[in-house]
Amino acid sequence: MAMKADAALHALSQRLRIYDGMAATVYDNQLRVTRWFPDGERRTTITCSLRPRDGDHLWFWDAQRRPITEAENVSDAALRIAADMALLPPVSAAGTRGTPAERGGQDCGRGGAS
């Protein structure tokens, strides 16, 4: 089963690379995906594992452990992942999502009370 999941992640990695600004790397049984946009990069992690509610077929899962599609539907999964990444907030230089104001904080050394 692990070989099948690994092969599915590699196939998805190759398919995602057809989209502009996309990079995908399989590492430690996960697919790490990055997509660059003018306002910053977005990152997500995709996994592949059995879905008991579907007769234990292999499925791709997003970072929140929501099902994407059956692993045999690589093209459908790639399209959905690429589209969904446009909806994610950009990753800041510190590796967190959104701007400091959106996270309820401030940049160190900028703004704040004097």
Protein backbone atom coordinates (compact mmCIF):
# COMPACT_ATOMS: atom_id res chain seq x y z
CA MET A 1 0.00 0.00 0.00
CA ALA A 2 2.82 2.43 0.83
CA MET A 3 4.34 2.00 -2.63
CA LYS A 4 1.03 2.79 -4.25
CA ALA A 5 0.54 5.93 -2.17
CA ASP A 6 4.11 7.03 -2.86
CA ALA A 7 3.65 6.45 -6.60
CA ALA A 8 0.39 8.43 -6.55
CA LEU A 9 2.10 11.36 -4.79
CA HIS A 10 4.92 11.33 -7.35
CA ALA A 11 2.42 11.27 -10.23
CA LEU A 12 0.55 14.20 -8.68
CA SER A 13 3.82 16.06 -8.19
CA GLN A 14 4.61 15.74 -11.89
CA ARG A 15 1.10 16.83 -12.90
CA LEU A 16 1.14 19.93 -10.67
CA ARG A 17 4.30 21.17 -12.36
CA ILE A 18 2.36 22.00 -15.53
CA TYR A 19 0.80 24.98 -13.73
CA ASP A 20 2.69 28.28 -13.80
CA GLY A 21 4.47 29.10 -10.57
CA MET A 22 4.00 25.65 -9.04
CA ALA A 23 6.63 23.52 -7.37
CA ALA A 24 5.93 20.14 -5.80
CA THR A 25 8.23 17.79 -3.92
CA VAL A 26 7.52 14.43 -2.33
CA TYR A 27 9.15 14.20 1.07
CA ASP A 28 8.47 11.84 3.98
CA ASN A 29 5.22 10.46 2.46
CA GLN A 30 3.84 13.95 1.85
CA LEU A 31 3.63 16.18 -1.18
CA ARG A 32 4.79 19.70 -0.36
CA VAL A 33 3.37 22.17 -2.84
CA THR A 34 4.32 25.82 -3.32
CA ARG A 35 2.71 28.24 -5.75
CA TRP A 36 3.98 31.76 -6.38
CA PHE A 37 1.64 34.70 -6.94
CA PRO A 38 2.39 38.42 -7.33
CA ASP A 39 1.46 39.02 -3.67
CA GLY A 40 3.51 36.12 -2.29
CA GLU A 41 3.76 32.38 -2.14
CA ARG A 42 1.26 29.87 -0.90
CA ARG A 43 2.16 26.47 0.53
CA THR A 44 0.21 23.35 1.31
CA THR A 45 0.83 19.70 2.07
CA ILE A 46 -0.99 16.82 0.38
CA THR A 47 -1.07 13.25 1.65
CA CYS A 48 -2.32 10.00 0.16
CA SER A 49 -3.93 7.27 2.23
CA LEU A 50 -6.84 4.84 2.39
CA ARG A 51 -10.36 6.14 2.80
CA PRO A 52 -12.39 3.60 4.79
CA ARG A 53 -15.73 5.14 3.75
CA ASP A 54 -14.82 4.39 0.12
CA GLY A 55 -13.88 0.74 0.41
CA ASP A 56 -10.31 1.57 1.42
CA HIS A 57 -9.42 3.12 -1.92
CA LEU A 58 -6.45 5.49 -1.96
CA TRP A 59 -7.38 9.18 -1.78
CA PHE A 60 -5.49 12.44 -1.81
CA TRP A 61 -6.07 14.56 1.32
CA ASP A 62 -5.43 18.26 1.89
CA ALA A 63 -3.55 19.79 4.83
CA GLN A 64 -6.75 19.95 6.91
CA ARG A 65 -7.30 16.21 6.27
CA ARG A 66 -10.21 16.85 3.89
CA PRO A 67 -10.56 14.43 0.96
CA ILE A 68 -9.63 15.81 -2.46
CA THR A 69 -10.28 12.93 -4.85
CA GLU A 70 -9.38 9.30 -5.42
CA ALA A 71 -5.66 8.90 -6.06
CA GLU A 72 -6.30 7.44 -9.51
CA ASN A 73 -7.75 10.83 -10.57
CA VAL A 74 -4.42 12.68 -10.68
CA SER A 75 -5.55 15.31 -13.22
CA ASP A 76 -8.67 16.17 -11.21
CA ALA A 77 -6.65 16.41 -7.99
CA ALA A 78 -4.04 18.68 -9.59
CA LEU A 79 -6.67 21.04 -10.96
CA ARG A 80 -8.42 21.30 -7.60
CA ILE A 81 -5.17 21.83 -5.68
CA ALA A 82 -3.98 24.52 -8.10
CA ALA A 83 -7.32 26.34 -7.86
CA ASP A 84 -7.55 26.01 -4.08
CA MET A 85 -4.06 27.44 -3.62
CA ALA A 86 -5.23 30.74 -5.10
CA LEU A 87 -7.61 31.01 -2.13
CA LEU A 88 -4.93 30.54 0.54
CA PRO A 89 -3.42 33.61 2.20
CA PRO A 90 0.21 34.32 1.28
CA VAL A 91 3.00 33.02 3.50
CA SER A 92 5.07 35.77 5.15
CA ALA A 93 8.85 35.78 5.33
CA ALA A 94 8.53 34.21 8.80
CA GLY A 95 6.65 31.28 7.28
CA THR A 96 3.25 32.15 8.75
CA ARG A 97 0.13 32.90 6.77
CA GLY A 98 -1.17 36.42 6.26
CA THR A 99 0.19 39.79 7.25
CA PRO A 100 0.98 40.68 10.88
CA ALA A 101 -2.19 42.81 11.03
CA GLU A 102 -4.28 39.88 9.76
CA ARG A 103 -2.72 37.69 12.48
CA GLY A 104 -3.47 40.34 15.14
CA GLY A 105 0.16 41.28 15.75
CA GLN A 106 2.82 43.70 14.60
CA ASP A 107 6.14 43.42 12.85
CA CYS A 108 9.02 43.61 15.31
CA GLY A 109 10.50 47.09 15.34
CA ARG A 110 7.65 48.69 13.40
CA GLY A 111 4.65 50.57 14.67
CA GLY A 112 3.30 50.08 18.15
CA ALA A 113 3.25 52.43 21.11
CA SER A 114 6.06 54.92 21.63
